[in-house]
Amino acid sequence: MNILIIVKTLSEKDGQGRYSLDFIGELAKRHKITVLSPDNYNLDLLGRLGVSVVAIPNLLNIRKGFGGALKYFRVFWRHLKQNDLVHFFADLPGYMIFSPLMLFSAKPYFVTAHGTYIPTSLDHGCYRYLVGRFLKKAKGVICVSNFTKNEILKRQSLANIFVINNGVHFDKFYNSGKGQADKGEEKIILTVGTLKKRKGFDIAIRAAGKIKKDIPNFKYYIVGDQSDKKYFGDLQKIVDESGLSENVVFLSNISDEELIGLYARARVFILTPVILNDNNFEGFGLVYLEANAGGIPVIGTKGCGAEDAIKDGYNGILVEQNNVDQTAEALNRILSDAHFAKQLGDNGVAWAKEFDWRNIYFKYQNIYDQFVK
């Protein structure tokens, strides 16, 4: 089967980019893949997999001009006839409404809905009709979590909507069978994710400040893109106000090897997303699975996509959004109760293994097979 894929990015530093790279890697084992991408990350890796990458304009902000949209349309059209189906990994409105498939039902197509972008588009008068029409024409709108699905259905009635959770390359993050007992005496807390307000870093830092009295010598590593300078500055102020200047370490642009090393040392992983403006939310949280694969208990929040990634009390703990006290209690319990932490960590390994891309791939293939013979 020949598959044309449209991505937002191929950078592993971005959530959609990591999803795209991982899934393309699985697809390329069985199909001929052509990718339309606005950037040139990881071209050598994809080339070794036999994947063809074609440059397109960046349509993240289409208000900058329609010249890029026209060029995108032409490139898309040129490659469309050579493929059996199209899959939009990019769920930004520009990549959907300026594609030839908006006008012509030339090929069956699918859209992966990650989180914020589609609900935001459906809340916007300019895009609501166009994006809604495009989604209805798709053979499948595949949501990465039940929360994302429900947020879309609040805004648009769809009969062609499915849920397939994100996958993880389990072997990449598996901590060689080592659990909590082999992590040494260090009390390391870890968060990974782009520094955005909706990811709730401020809540996690304040919670860490509350446990310092009982666990004074922990280290809290926060790994992620710091391009939102205002929010990064706000977080640094919270660190100082919470008396954590010796405890918190901010890191960015680290390699996968360094990241895996941090996962191997961490005692607990925390990411506490919050919903902003009713449509800005965490769609799933692949990082929870990466941490679980390393035997690390995880802490996330209720009322967002993290509920699909975390089974409360099994592989981690779910707390209420914006609740610093609950979050601190969860951190304290995992770091203080070795038996409980080991139980969550061991369960997490089994949980993450179920989400290995080798298993998730076949869920997509089953949907493809319904429409392409």
Protein backbone atom coordinates (compact mmCIF):
# COMPACT_ATOMS: atom_id res chain seq x y z
CA MET A 1 0.00 0.00 0.00
CA ASN A 2 1.21 3.52 -0.82
CA ILE A 3 0.40 6.04 1.94
CA LEU A 4 0.72 9.82 1.82
CA ILE A 5 1.23 11.40 5.25
CA ILE A 6 1.04 15.09 6.17
CA VAL A 7 2.87 16.14 9.34
CA LYS A 8 3.18 19.30 11.38
CA THR A 9 6.84 18.49 12.16
CA LEU A 10 9.34 15.65 12.17
CA SER A 11 11.14 16.87 15.28
CA GLU A 12 11.25 14.39 18.16
CA LYS A 13 11.25 17.39 20.54
CA ASP A 14 7.60 18.03 19.66
CA GLY A 15 4.77 15.73 20.78
CA GLN A 16 3.24 15.48 17.31
CA GLY A 17 6.71 15.09 15.83
CA ARG A 18 7.55 12.13 18.08
CA TYR A 19 4.18 10.55 17.27
CA SER A 20 4.86 11.04 13.55
CA LEU A 21 8.36 9.59 13.62
CA ASP A 22 7.37 6.56 15.66
CA PHE A 23 4.27 5.71 13.64
CA ILE A 24 5.96 6.32 10.27
CA GLY A 25 8.69 3.92 11.38
CA GLU A 26 6.10 1.19 11.93
CA LEU A 27 4.23 1.93 8.70
CA ALA A 28 7.45 1.91 6.66
CA LYS A 29 8.07 -1.74 7.61
CA ARG A 30 5.03 -2.75 5.56
CA HIS A 31 4.10 0.10 3.20
CA LYS A 32 5.63 2.67 0.86
CA ILE A 33 5.47 6.01 2.65
CA THR A 34 5.65 9.56 1.29
CA VAL A 35 5.66 12.36 3.86
CA LEU A 36 4.80 16.01 3.26
CA SER A 37 6.64 18.01 5.92
CA PRO A 38 7.31 21.72 6.56
CA ASP A 39 10.69 20.94 8.17
CA ASN A 40 13.67 18.69 7.49
CA TYR A 41 14.30 17.01 10.83
CA ASN A 42 15.46 13.37 10.85
CA LEU A 43 15.75 13.04 7.08
CA ASP A 44 18.67 10.60 7.37
CA LEU A 45 16.70 8.33 9.70
CA LEU A 46 13.64 8.36 7.45
CA GLY A 47 15.79 7.83 4.36
CA ARG A 48 17.22 4.65 5.87
CA LEU A 49 13.64 3.47 6.33
CA GLY A 50 12.90 4.08 2.65
CA VAL A 51 10.60 7.01 3.42
CA SER A 52 10.40 9.85 0.89
CA VAL A 53 10.07 13.32 2.47
CA VAL A 54 8.76 16.21 0.36
CA ALA A 55 9.01 19.84 1.49
CA ILE A 56 5.84 21.90 1.93
CA PRO A 57 5.26 25.41 3.33
CA ASN A 58 4.60 25.83 7.04
CA LEU A 59 0.87 26.51 7.41
CA LEU A 60 0.84 26.93 11.17
CA ASN A 61 -0.20 30.55 10.66
CA ILE A 62 -1.98 30.87 7.33
CA ARG A 63 -2.76 34.56 7.94
CA LYS A 64 0.77 35.37 6.82
CA GLY A 65 -0.33 34.88 3.21
CA PHE A 66 -1.96 32.43 0.85
CA GLY A 67 1.04 31.93 -1.43
CA GLY A 68 2.23 29.09 0.80
CA ALA A 69 -1.24 27.54 0.80
CA LEU A 70 -1.30 27.50 -3.01
CA LYS A 71 2.15 25.92 -3.18
CA TYR A 72 1.06 23.31 -0.62
CA PHE A 73 -2.03 22.51 -2.73
CA ARG A 74 0.10 21.97 -5.84
CA VAL A 75 2.65 19.74 -4.11
CA PHE A 76 -0.11 17.73 -2.46
CA TRP A 77 -1.97 17.27 -5.76
CA ARG A 78 1.19 16.09 -7.53
CA HIS A 79 1.71 13.30 -4.99
CA LEU A 80 -1.92 12.44 -4.35
CA LYS A 81 -2.49 10.33 -7.46
CA GLN A 82 0.48 8.08 -6.63
CA ASN A 83 -0.95 6.95 -3.27
CA ASP A 84 -3.77 4.69 -2.10
CA LEU A 85 -4.74 6.65 1.00
CA VAL A 86 -3.87 9.86 2.83
CA HIS A 87 -3.36 10.29 6.57
CA PHE A 88 -3.19 13.73 8.16
CA PHE A 89 -0.99 13.45 11.24
CA ALA A 90 -1.13 17.26 11.28
CA ASP A 91 -4.49 18.38 12.65
CA LEU A 92 -3.94 22.10 12.12
CA PRO A 93 -6.72 23.66 10.03
CA GLY A 94 -4.45 24.96 7.26
CA TYR A 95 -3.18 21.52 6.28
CA MET A 96 -6.73 20.21 6.00
CA ILE A 97 -8.70 23.00 4.32
CA PHE A 98 -6.00 23.89 1.75
CA SER A 99 -5.51 20.30 0.63
CA PRO A 100 -7.03 19.06 -2.66
CA LEU A 101 -9.19 16.68 -0.61
CA MET A 102 -11.20 19.67 0.56
CA LEU A 103 -12.48 19.96 -3.00
CA PHE A 104 -12.10 16.50 -4.51
CA SER A 105 -12.88 13.08 -3.03
CA ALA A 106 -9.90 11.66 -4.88
CA LYS A 107 -8.62 9.26 -2.23
CA PRO A 108 -9.77 7.91 1.15
CA TYR A 109 -8.26 9.96 3.95
CA PHE A 110 -7.89 9.88 7.73
CA VAL A 111 -7.16 12.56 10.33
CA THR A 112 -5.40 12.01 13.65
CA ALA A 113 -6.83 14.36 16.27
CA HIS A 114 -4.17 14.95 18.92
CA GLY A 115 -5.73 17.52 21.19
CA THR A 116 -6.10 21.26 21.11
CA TYR A 117 -6.03 22.18 17.41
CA ILE A 118 -9.28 20.66 16.13
CA PRO A 119 -11.48 21.77 19.08
CA THR A 120 -9.98 25.26 18.80
CA SER A 121 -10.74 25.32 15.07
CA LEU A 122 -14.31 24.20 15.70
CA ASP A 123 -14.69 27.06 18.20
CA HIS A 124 -13.51 29.60 15.62
CA GLY A 125 -16.15 31.08 13.32
CA CYS A 126 -13.71 31.31 10.42
CA TYR A 127 -12.83 27.61 10.50
CA ARG A 128 -15.85 25.92 12.06
CA TYR A 129 -17.71 25.11 8.83
CA LEU A 130 -14.65 24.23 6.74
CA VAL A 131 -12.94 22.01 9.30
CA GLY A 132 -16.25 20.38 10.25
CA ARG A 133 -16.97 19.59 6.60
CA PHE A 134 -13.48 18.17 6.11
CA LEU A 135 -13.79 15.90 9.15
CA LYS A 136 -17.18 14.60 8.03
CA LYS A 137 -15.78 13.62 4.63
CA ALA A 138 -12.89 11.67 6.20
CA LYS A 139 -13.06 7.89 6.38
CA GLY A 140 -11.89 8.15 9.95
CA VAL A 141 -11.12 10.81 12.56
CA ILE A 142 -8.79 8.97 14.90
CA CYS A 143 -8.45 10.52 18.36
CA VAL A 144 -5.47 9.78 20.61
CA SER A 145 -7.70 9.75 23.71
CA ASN A 146 -11.32 9.50 24.75
CA PHE A 147 -11.05 13.02 26.15
CA THR A 148 -10.05 14.40 22.73
CA LYS A 149 -12.92 12.48 21.13
CA ASN A 150 -15.46 13.88 23.59
CA GLU A 151 -14.18 17.44 23.17
CA ILE A 152 -14.63 17.17 19.39
CA LEU A 153 -18.10 15.65 19.72
CA LYS A 154 -19.16 18.55 21.95
CA ARG A 155 -18.55 20.77 18.94
CA GLN A 156 -19.21 18.59 15.90
CA SER A 157 -21.43 15.54 15.34
CA LEU A 158 -19.35 12.80 13.67
CA ALA A 159 -20.18 9.17 12.94
CA ASN A 160 -16.65 8.35 11.73
CA ILE A 161 -14.72 8.99 14.95
CA PHE A 162 -12.48 6.42 16.67
CA VAL A 163 -10.03 6.28 19.56
CA ILE A 164 -6.55 4.80 19.17
CA ASN A 165 -4.20 5.81 21.97
CA ASN A 166 -0.64 6.91 21.31
CA GLY A 167 2.04 4.27 21.13
CA VAL A 168 5.49 4.04 22.67
CA HIS A 169 8.65 2.27 21.59
CA PHE A 170 8.72 0.19 24.74
CA ASP A 171 12.19 -1.32 24.24
CA LYS A 172 13.72 2.14 23.88
CA PHE A 173 12.64 3.24 27.36
CA TYR A 174 12.50 -0.10 29.18
CA ASN A 175 14.89 0.06 32.11
CA SER A 176 16.41 -3.40 31.59
CA GLY A 177 13.94 -4.92 34.02
CA LYS A 178 15.19 -2.69 36.81
CA GLY A 179 12.54 -1.26 39.06
CA GLN A 180 12.51 1.27 41.83
CA ALA A 181 14.87 -0.81 43.97
CA ASP A 182 17.76 -0.29 41.53
CA LYS A 183 17.55 3.49 41.23
CA GLY A 184 19.87 4.16 44.16
CA GLU A 185 19.25 6.58 47.01
CA GLU A 186 18.60 9.64 44.87
CA LYS A 187 15.12 11.12 45.10
CA ILE A 188 14.68 12.36 41.55
CA ILE A 189 11.46 13.89 40.24
CA LEU A 190 11.17 14.26 36.47
CA THR A 191 8.94 16.25 34.13
CA VAL A 192 9.27 16.26 30.34
CA GLY A 193 7.34 18.56 28.01
CA THR A 194 7.36 21.90 26.25
CA LEU A 195 7.09 24.70 28.81
CA LYS A 196 3.49 25.74 28.17
CA LYS A 197 1.02 26.96 30.76
CA ARG A 198 -1.52 24.24 29.90
CA LYS A 199 0.98 21.59 31.00
CA GLY A 200 0.78 22.82 34.58
CA PHE A 201 4.48 23.10 35.44
CA ASP A 202 3.67 25.83 37.95
CA ILE A 203 1.40 23.45 39.88
CA ALA A 204 4.03 20.71 39.98
CA ILE A 205 6.74 23.11 41.18
CA ARG A 206 4.55 24.50 43.98
CA ALA A 207 3.72 20.92 45.01
CA ALA A 208 7.43 20.08 45.10
CA GLY A 209 7.93 23.06 47.39
CA LYS A 210 5.40 21.63 49.83
CA ILE A 211 7.24 18.28 50.19
CA LYS A 212 10.65 19.82 50.85
CA LYS A 213 10.11 19.81 54.62
CA ASP A 214 9.71 16.01 54.62
CA ILE A 215 12.05 15.21 51.69
CA PRO A 216 14.65 18.01 51.64
CA ASN A 217 17.26 16.57 49.30
CA PHE A 218 15.29 15.68 46.18
CA LYS A 219 16.24 16.88 42.70
CA TYR A 220 13.54 17.94 40.28
CA TYR A 221 14.55 17.89 36.60
CA ILE A 222 12.26 19.80 34.21
CA VAL A 223 13.10 18.99 30.61
CA GLY A 224 11.53 20.90 27.75
CA ASP A 225 11.59 23.68 25.20
CA GLN A 226 11.87 27.08 26.91
CA SER A 227 10.88 29.31 23.97
CA ASP A 228 7.92 30.77 25.91
CA LYS A 229 10.19 33.15 27.77
CA LYS A 230 7.45 34.75 29.85
CA TYR A 231 6.18 31.45 31.23
CA PHE A 232 9.74 30.23 31.77
CA GLY A 233 10.46 33.39 33.74
CA ASP A 234 7.31 32.88 35.80
CA LEU A 235 8.42 29.33 36.61
CA GLN A 236 11.85 30.52 37.72
CA LYS A 237 10.17 33.00 40.08
CA ILE A 238 8.01 30.21 41.55
CA VAL A 239 11.15 28.12 42.08
CA ASP A 240 12.74 30.96 44.05
CA GLU A 241 9.57 31.72 46.02
CA SER A 242 9.22 28.02 46.92
CA GLY A 243 12.81 27.80 48.19
CA LEU A 244 13.75 25.28 45.48
CA SER A 245 16.73 26.99 43.84
CA GLU A 246 18.97 24.08 44.93
CA ASN A 247 16.43 21.42 43.98
CA VAL A 248 15.08 22.34 40.55
CA VAL A 249 17.12 21.96 37.36
CA PHE A 250 15.76 23.20 34.01
CA LEU A 251 17.10 21.44 30.91
CA SER A 252 16.40 21.83 27.19
CA ASN A 253 17.66 20.43 23.90
CA ILE A 254 19.00 17.25 25.44
CA SER A 255 19.56 14.10 23.40
CA ASP A 256 17.37 11.02 23.58
CA GLU A 257 20.26 9.23 25.29
CA GLU A 258 20.38 11.88 28.02
CA LEU A 259 16.60 11.75 28.39
CA ILE A 260 16.60 7.97 28.73
CA GLY A 261 19.32 8.33 31.33
CA LEU A 262 17.08 10.66 33.37
CA TYR A 263 14.16 8.25 33.06
CA ALA A 264 16.42 5.48 34.36
CA ARG A 265 17.32 7.51 37.47
CA ALA A 266 13.93 9.05 38.26
CA ARG A 267 11.77 7.92 41.18
CA VAL A 268 8.59 9.61 39.97
CA PHE A 269 7.39 11.32 36.82
CA ILE A 270 4.94 14.22 37.06
CA LEU A 271 3.02 16.25 34.50
CA THR A 272 -0.10 18.04 35.76
CA PRO A 273 -1.96 19.54 32.77
CA VAL A 274 -4.75 22.08 33.10
CA ILE A 275 -7.45 23.15 30.65
CA LEU A 276 -7.23 26.76 29.45
CA ASN A 277 -10.04 28.65 27.72
CA ASP A 278 -12.16 25.47 27.44
CA ASN A 279 -10.25 24.21 24.38
CA ASN A 280 -6.54 24.23 25.23
CA PHE A 281 -5.78 20.86 26.80
CA GLU A 282 -3.42 17.89 26.91
CA GLY A 283 -4.61 15.37 24.35
CA PHE A 284 -2.88 12.29 25.79
CA GLY A 285 0.62 12.47 27.23
CA LEU A 286 3.07 10.11 25.56
CA VAL A 287 5.64 10.95 28.24
CA TYR A 288 3.61 9.01 30.83
CA LEU A 289 4.11 5.82 28.80
CA GLU A 290 7.81 6.53 28.32
CA ALA A 291 8.21 6.90 32.07
CA ASN A 292 6.15 3.77 32.79
CA ALA A 293 8.32 1.77 30.40
CA GLY A 294 11.25 2.68 32.63
CA GLY A 295 9.41 1.44 35.73
CA ILE A 296 8.57 4.94 36.97
CA PRO A 297 5.26 5.76 38.70
CA VAL A 298 3.51 8.71 37.10
CA ILE A 299 1.34 11.58 38.34
CA GLY A 300 -1.15 13.32 36.03
CA THR A 301 -4.44 15.15 36.22
CA LYS A 302 -8.08 14.21 35.84
CA GLY A 303 -10.28 15.78 33.19
CA CYS A 304 -7.84 15.61 30.26
CA GLY A 305 -6.16 13.08 27.97
CA ALA A 306 -3.96 11.86 30.82
CA GLU A 307 -6.91 9.75 31.97
CA ASP A 308 -6.26 7.41 29.01
CA ALA A 309 -2.55 7.17 29.84
CA ILE A 310 -2.88 6.68 33.61
CA LYS A 311 -5.02 4.13 35.43
CA ASP A 312 -5.41 5.74 38.82
CA GLY A 313 -3.83 3.66 41.58
CA TYR A 314 -2.41 1.13 39.10
CA ASN A 315 0.45 2.71 37.14
CA GLY A 316 0.23 6.14 38.72
CA ILE A 317 -1.94 8.69 40.48
CA LEU A 318 -4.47 11.11 39.01
CA VAL A 319 -5.09 14.36 40.91
CA GLU A 320 -7.52 17.22 40.44
CA GLN A 321 -6.38 20.01 38.14
CA ASN A 322 -4.82 23.06 39.82
CA ASN A 323 -4.77 21.26 43.17
CA VAL A 324 -1.33 21.86 44.69
CA ASP A 325 -2.11 20.04 47.95
CA GLN A 326 -3.33 16.85 46.23
CA THR A 327 -0.34 16.92 43.92
CA ALA A 328 2.05 17.30 46.87
CA GLU A 329 0.38 14.38 48.65
CA ALA A 330 0.85 12.19 45.59
CA LEU A 331 4.53 13.13 45.30
CA ASN A 332 5.12 12.57 49.00
CA ARG A 333 3.44 9.17 49.01
CA ILE A 334 5.40 7.81 46.04
CA LEU A 335 8.73 9.14 47.30
CA SER A 336 8.14 7.97 50.88
CA ASP A 337 6.45 4.59 50.37
CA ALA A 338 8.92 2.30 48.59
CA HIS A 339 6.48 -0.63 48.42
CA PHE A 340 3.74 1.50 46.84
CA ALA A 341 6.20 3.06 44.40
CA LYS A 342 7.48 -0.36 43.33
CA GLN A 343 3.95 -1.63 42.81
CA LEU A 344 3.07 1.33 40.61
CA GLY A 345 6.37 1.05 38.74
CA ASP A 346 6.01 -2.67 38.06
CA ASN A 347 2.42 -2.18 36.90
CA GLY A 348 3.60 0.69 34.74
CA VAL A 349 6.01 -1.54 32.85
CA ALA A 350 3.22 -3.98 32.01
CA TRP A 351 0.89 -1.09 31.12
CA ALA A 352 3.41 0.58 28.78
CA LYS A 353 4.12 -2.72 27.04
CA GLU A 354 0.47 -2.93 25.99
CA PHE A 355 0.92 0.43 24.22
CA ASP A 356 4.02 -0.61 22.28
CA TRP A 357 3.82 0.66 18.70
CA ARG A 358 3.90 -2.91 17.42
CA ASN A 359 0.49 -3.39 19.04
CA ILE A 360 -0.93 0.04 18.26
CA TYR A 361 0.01 -0.24 14.58
CA PHE A 362 -2.44 -3.07 13.92
CA LYS A 363 -5.34 -0.99 15.23
CA TYR A 364 -4.64 1.53 12.49
CA GLN A 365 -4.11 -1.18 9.90
CA ASN A 366 -7.52 -2.68 10.69
CA ILE A 367 -9.14 0.69 9.96
CA TYR A 368 -7.15 1.20 6.75
CA ASP A 369 -8.15 -2.25 5.52
CA GLN A 370 -11.84 -1.35 5.72
CA PHE A 371 -11.41 1.27 3.02
CA VAL A 372 -8.44 0.21 0.88
CA LYS A 373 -8.41 -3.25 -0.66
